[in-house]
Amino acid sequence: MQILKISKLIKRAMILCVCISFPLMQGCVRAILPTSDAELVSKSINGGGSVEVQLNYVQAYANLKQAYIKCVQYKNSNDYLTVEAHLDRENKIGTFYGRPPFGTYIFKTIITPIDIKTSKLTLYTLKASLLTLNANQSILAERLAIDKARALGQDKQCNKD
């Protein structure tokens, strides 16, 4: 009987701790990660980086959307990352946002036309504060190369149906 009471007390204490810590955790995440587009751009490596993609922007957008949904977006029991995608044909721009929990941003990718057959892919991704400038620049260059291959539909893992 005594063990049952202690068990119920422990269970209630754990629920109370979770209820109290959840808002605190949300505040910590929001203090670390950007909560607006402008803040993401200002905290990005080199203020963003760009590459040319030898494909029209609509097809590049479609390829990148498929790859992001298949290989970047995830959800598990503890965490998630959604990819918000928007194609604005009137203004000729495709935009992607990587959105972890609590209304924050982790990356932004923009696809715009240069001409009929060429697009510009611009990536804004967060600086890692514990890494050197060269290490951050390497991360940006590597991610741009990966996203260029994905926009071209050449990522064998992420661009397959």
C-alpha atoms as a PDB file:
ATOM      1  CA  MET A   1       0.000   0.000   0.000  1.00  0.00           C
ATOM      2  CA  GLN A   2       2.797   2.391   0.957  1.00  0.00           C
ATOM      3  CA  ILE A   3       4.664   1.596  -2.283  1.00  0.00           C
ATOM      4  CA  LEU A   4       1.556   2.395  -4.317  1.00  0.00           C
ATOM      5  CA  LYS A   5       1.240   5.816  -2.642  1.00  0.00           C
ATOM      6  CA  ILE A   6       4.921   6.562  -3.262  1.00  0.00           C
ATOM      7  CA  SER A   7       4.558   5.468  -6.883  1.00  0.00           C
ATOM      8  CA  LYS A   8       1.600   7.816  -7.413  1.00  0.00           C
ATOM      9  CA  LEU A   9       3.506  10.641  -5.732  1.00  0.00           C
ATOM     10  CA  ILE A  10       6.528  10.110  -7.978  1.00  0.00           C
ATOM     11  CA  LYS A  11       4.307  10.013 -11.057  1.00  0.00           C
ATOM     12  CA  ARG A  12       2.619  13.291 -10.084  1.00  0.00           C
ATOM     13  CA  ALA A  13       5.984  14.925  -9.361  1.00  0.00           C
ATOM     14  CA  MET A  14       7.299  13.885 -12.767  1.00  0.00           C
ATOM     15  CA  ILE A  15       4.215  15.295 -14.519  1.00  0.00           C
ATOM     16  CA  LEU A  16       4.621  18.542 -12.607  1.00  0.00           C
ATOM     17  CA  CYS A  17       8.319  18.756 -13.578  1.00  0.00           C
ATOM     18  CA  VAL A  18       7.500  18.213 -17.245  1.00  0.00           C
ATOM     19  CA  CYS A  19       4.744  20.837 -17.145  1.00  0.00           C
ATOM     20  CA  ILE A  20       7.072  23.363 -15.535  1.00  0.00           C
ATOM     21  CA  SER A  21      10.147  22.603 -17.668  1.00  0.00           C
ATOM     22  CA  PHE A  22       8.409  22.638 -21.084  1.00  0.00           C
ATOM     23  CA  PRO A  23       7.860  26.432 -21.172  1.00  0.00           C
ATOM     24  CA  LEU A  24      11.397  26.958 -19.861  1.00  0.00           C
ATOM     25  CA  MET A  25      12.821  24.722 -22.586  1.00  0.00           C
ATOM     26  CA  GLN A  26      10.839  26.633 -25.218  1.00  0.00           C
ATOM     27  CA  GLY A  27      12.326  29.894 -23.962  1.00  0.00           C
ATOM     28  CA  CYS A  28      15.867  28.486 -24.101  1.00  0.00           C
ATOM     29  CA  VAL A  29      15.429  27.231 -27.670  1.00  0.00           C
ATOM     30  CA  ARG A  30      13.952  30.568 -28.764  1.00  0.00           C
ATOM     31  CA  ALA A  31      16.906  32.389 -27.148  1.00  0.00           C
ATOM     32  CA  ILE A  32      19.435  30.290 -29.089  1.00  0.00           C
ATOM     33  CA  LEU A  33      17.812  29.898 -32.513  1.00  0.00           C
ATOM     34  CA  PRO A  34      16.508  32.738 -34.697  1.00  0.00           C
ATOM     35  CA  THR A  35      12.802  33.473 -34.439  1.00  0.00           C
ATOM     36  CA  SER A  36      12.500  35.596 -37.583  1.00  0.00           C
ATOM     37  CA  ASP A  37      13.627  35.566 -41.190  1.00  0.00           C
ATOM     38  CA  ALA A  38      15.734  38.718 -40.655  1.00  0.00           C
ATOM     39  CA  GLU A  39      17.462  37.263 -37.602  1.00  0.00           C
ATOM     40  CA  LEU A  40      18.240  34.039 -39.505  1.00  0.00           C
ATOM     41  CA  VAL A  41      19.806  35.993 -42.372  1.00  0.00           C
ATOM     42  CA  SER A  42      21.878  38.132 -39.993  1.00  0.00           C
ATOM     43  CA  LYS A  43      23.141  35.056 -38.086  1.00  0.00           C
ATOM     44  CA  SER A  44      23.899  33.026 -41.212  1.00  0.00           C
ATOM     45  CA  ILE A  45      27.355  32.009 -42.406  1.00  0.00           C
ATOM     46  CA  ASN A  46      28.797  34.822 -44.579  1.00  0.00           C
ATOM     47  CA  GLY A  47      25.335  36.396 -44.770  1.00  0.00           C
ATOM     48  CA  GLY A  48      24.371  33.505 -47.055  1.00  0.00           C
ATOM     49  CA  GLY A  49      25.939  31.870 -50.071  1.00  0.00           C
ATOM     50  CA  SER A  50      24.820  31.315 -53.652  1.00  0.00           C
ATOM     51  CA  VAL A  51      25.434  28.964 -56.571  1.00  0.00           C
ATOM     52  CA  GLU A  52      24.116  28.817 -60.114  1.00  0.00           C
ATOM     53  CA  VAL A  53      21.966  25.872 -61.130  1.00  0.00           C
ATOM     54  CA  GLN A  54      21.703  25.012 -64.827  1.00  0.00           C
ATOM     55  CA  LEU A  55      17.946  24.450 -64.710  1.00  0.00           C
ATOM     56  CA  ASN A  56      14.897  26.729 -64.751  1.00  0.00           C
ATOM     57  CA  TYR A  57      13.818  27.858 -61.303  1.00  0.00           C
ATOM     58  CA  VAL A  58      10.455  26.017 -61.281  1.00  0.00           C
ATOM     59  CA  GLN A  59      12.050  22.639 -61.997  1.00  0.00           C
ATOM     60  CA  ALA A  60      14.908  23.359 -59.568  1.00  0.00           C
ATOM     61  CA  TYR A  61      12.314  24.246 -56.924  1.00  0.00           C
ATOM     62  CA  ALA A  62      10.365  21.015 -57.559  1.00  0.00           C
ATOM     63  CA  ASN A  63      13.524  18.882 -57.335  1.00  0.00           C
ATOM     64  CA  LEU A  64      14.686  20.605 -54.162  1.00  0.00           C
ATOM     65  CA  LYS A  65      11.251  20.295 -52.555  1.00  0.00           C
ATOM     66  CA  GLN A  66      11.188  16.558 -53.231  1.00  0.00           C
ATOM     67  CA  ALA A  67      14.690  16.134 -51.774  1.00  0.00           C
ATOM     68  CA  TYR A  68      14.034  18.274 -48.692  1.00  0.00           C
ATOM     69  CA  ILE A  69      10.835  16.416 -47.869  1.00  0.00           C
ATOM     70  CA  LYS A  70      12.484  13.027 -48.347  1.00  0.00           C
ATOM     71  CA  CYS A  71      15.886  13.653 -46.714  1.00  0.00           C
ATOM     72  CA  VAL A  72      15.816  16.814 -44.591  1.00  0.00           C
ATOM     73  CA  GLN A  73      12.377  16.919 -42.987  1.00  0.00           C
ATOM     74  CA  TYR A  74      11.974  14.482 -40.111  1.00  0.00           C
ATOM     75  CA  LYS A  75       9.871  13.723 -37.073  1.00  0.00           C
ATOM     76  CA  ASN A  76      10.629  11.374 -34.212  1.00  0.00           C
ATOM     77  CA  SER A  77       9.405  10.993 -30.652  1.00  0.00           C
ATOM     78  CA  ASN A  78      11.736  13.688 -29.286  1.00  0.00           C
ATOM     79  CA  ASP A  79      12.193  16.219 -32.071  1.00  0.00           C
ATOM     80  CA  TYR A  80      11.174  17.340 -35.542  1.00  0.00           C
ATOM     81  CA  LEU A  81      12.231  19.576 -38.405  1.00  0.00           C
ATOM     82  CA  THR A  82       9.631  20.688 -40.912  1.00  0.00           C
ATOM     83  CA  VAL A  83      10.420  22.172 -44.286  1.00  0.00           C
ATOM     84  CA  GLU A  84       8.050  24.924 -45.347  1.00  0.00           C
ATOM     85  CA  ALA A  85       8.034  25.401 -49.127  1.00  0.00           C
ATOM     86  CA  HIS A  86       6.445  28.183 -51.154  1.00  0.00           C
ATOM     87  CA  LEU A  87       6.636  28.851 -54.894  1.00  0.00           C
ATOM     88  CA  ASP A  88       5.569  32.354 -55.945  1.00  0.00           C
ATOM     89  CA  ARG A  89       5.333  32.262 -59.755  1.00  0.00           C
ATOM     90  CA  GLU A  90       4.162  35.863 -59.955  1.00  0.00           C
ATOM     91  CA  ASN A  91       7.321  37.156 -58.262  1.00  0.00           C
ATOM     92  CA  LYS A  92       9.470  34.313 -59.657  1.00  0.00           C
ATOM     93  CA  ILE A  93      10.836  33.028 -56.369  1.00  0.00           C
ATOM     94  CA  GLY A  94      10.835  29.704 -54.544  1.00  0.00           C
ATOM     95  CA  THR A  95      11.464  29.752 -50.800  1.00  0.00           C
ATOM     96  CA  PHE A  96      12.163  27.008 -48.264  1.00  0.00           C
ATOM     97  CA  TYR A  97      12.447  27.334 -44.494  1.00  0.00           C
ATOM     98  CA  GLY A  98      13.816  24.696 -42.119  1.00  0.00           C
ATOM     99  CA  ARG A  99      11.661  25.021 -38.989  1.00  0.00           C
ATOM    100  CA  PRO A 100      12.526  23.167 -35.781  1.00  0.00           C
ATOM    101  CA  PRO A 101      10.178  23.367 -32.760  1.00  0.00           C
ATOM    102  CA  PHE A 102       9.058  26.515 -30.942  1.00  0.00           C
ATOM    103  CA  GLY A 103       8.727  28.883 -33.925  1.00  0.00           C
ATOM    104  CA  THR A 104      12.419  29.026 -34.787  1.00  0.00           C
ATOM    105  CA  TYR A 105      14.419  28.837 -38.026  1.00  0.00           C
ATOM    106  CA  ILE A 106      17.506  26.827 -38.919  1.00  0.00           C
ATOM    107  CA  PHE A 107      17.874  27.496 -42.659  1.00  0.00           C
ATOM    108  CA  LYS A 108      16.360  29.372 -45.585  1.00  0.00           C
ATOM    109  CA  THR A 109      16.850  28.520 -49.242  1.00  0.00           C
ATOM    110  CA  ILE A 110      15.764  30.737 -52.121  1.00  0.00           C
ATOM    111  CA  ILE A 111      15.545  29.813 -55.815  1.00  0.00           C
ATOM    112  CA  THR A 112      15.295  32.668 -58.347  1.00  0.00           C
ATOM    113  CA  PRO A 113      15.676  32.718 -62.135  1.00  0.00           C
ATOM    114  CA  ILE A 114      18.785  34.142 -63.774  1.00  0.00           C
ATOM    115  CA  ASP A 115      17.451  33.414 -67.243  1.00  0.00           C
ATOM    116  CA  ILE A 116      15.141  30.830 -68.844  1.00  0.00           C
ATOM    117  CA  LYS A 117      17.530  27.896 -68.275  1.00  0.00           C
ATOM    118  CA  THR A 118      19.543  29.013 -65.225  1.00  0.00           C
ATOM    119  CA  SER A 119      18.628  29.645 -61.599  1.00  0.00           C
ATOM    120  CA  LYS A 120      20.322  31.085 -58.558  1.00  0.00           C
ATOM    121  CA  LEU A 121      20.168  29.053 -55.347  1.00  0.00           C
ATOM    122  CA  THR A 122      20.861  31.089 -52.192  1.00  0.00           C
ATOM    123  CA  LEU A 123      21.265  29.407 -48.819  1.00  0.00           C
ATOM    124  CA  TYR A 124      21.180  30.998 -45.379  1.00  0.00           C
ATOM    125  CA  THR A 125      22.252  28.589 -42.663  1.00  0.00           C
ATOM    126  CA  LEU A 126      23.254  29.281 -39.077  1.00  0.00           C
ATOM    127  CA  LYS A 127      26.840  29.812 -37.984  1.00  0.00           C
ATOM    128  CA  ALA A 128      28.127  27.290 -35.521  1.00  0.00           C
ATOM    129  CA  SER A 129      29.483  29.550 -32.782  1.00  0.00           C
ATOM    130  CA  LEU A 130      32.011  26.969 -31.564  1.00  0.00           C
ATOM    131  CA  LEU A 131      33.576  26.554 -35.026  1.00  0.00           C
ATOM    132  CA  THR A 132      36.147  28.727 -36.743  1.00  0.00           C
ATOM    133  CA  LEU A 133      35.312  30.960 -39.692  1.00  0.00           C
ATOM    134  CA  ASN A 134      36.987  28.482 -42.070  1.00  0.00           C
ATOM    135  CA  ALA A 135      35.022  25.561 -40.642  1.00  0.00           C
ATOM    136  CA  ASN A 136      31.750  27.481 -41.004  1.00  0.00           C
ATOM    137  CA  GLN A 137      32.638  28.419 -44.588  1.00  0.00           C
ATOM    138  CA  SER A 138      33.377  24.750 -45.344  1.00  0.00           C
ATOM    139  CA  ILE A 139      29.970  23.790 -43.977  1.00  0.00           C
ATOM    140  CA  LEU A 140      28.297  26.410 -46.183  1.00  0.00           C
ATOM    141  CA  ALA A 141      30.224  25.303 -49.296  1.00  0.00           C
ATOM    142  CA  GLU A 142      29.389  21.637 -48.655  1.00  0.00           C
ATOM    143  CA  ARG A 143      25.709  22.373 -48.096  1.00  0.00           C
ATOM    144  CA  LEU A 144      25.560  24.517 -51.260  1.00  0.00           C
ATOM    145  CA  ALA A 145      27.083  21.650 -53.268  1.00  0.00           C
ATOM    146  CA  ILE A 146      24.558  19.178 -51.825  1.00  0.00           C
ATOM    147  CA  ASP A 147      21.608  21.510 -52.462  1.00  0.00           C
ATOM    148  CA  LYS A 148      22.813  22.223 -56.007  1.00  0.00           C
ATOM    149  CA  ALA A 149      22.861  18.477 -56.745  1.00  0.00           C
ATOM    150  CA  ARG A 150      19.400  18.161 -55.200  1.00  0.00           C
ATOM    151  CA  ALA A 151      18.052  21.104 -57.238  1.00  0.00           C
ATOM    152  CA  LEU A 152      19.415  19.443 -60.384  1.00  0.00           C
ATOM    153  CA  GLY A 153      17.677  16.177 -59.389  1.00  0.00           C
ATOM    154  CA  GLN A 154      21.035  14.392 -59.088  1.00  0.00           C
ATOM    155  CA  ASP A 155      20.969  13.284 -55.446  1.00  0.00           C
ATOM    156  CA  LYS A 156      20.470   9.542 -55.901  1.00  0.00           C
ATOM    157  CA  GLN A 157      19.122   9.058 -52.385  1.00  0.00           C
ATOM    158  CA  CYS A 158      16.869  12.111 -52.067  1.00  0.00           C
ATOM    159  CA  ASN A 159      15.555  12.720 -55.609  1.00  0.00           C
ATOM    160  CA  LYS A 160      14.144   9.236 -56.174  1.00  0.00           C
ATOM    161  CA  ASP A 161      10.451   8.507 -55.749  1.00  0.00           C
END
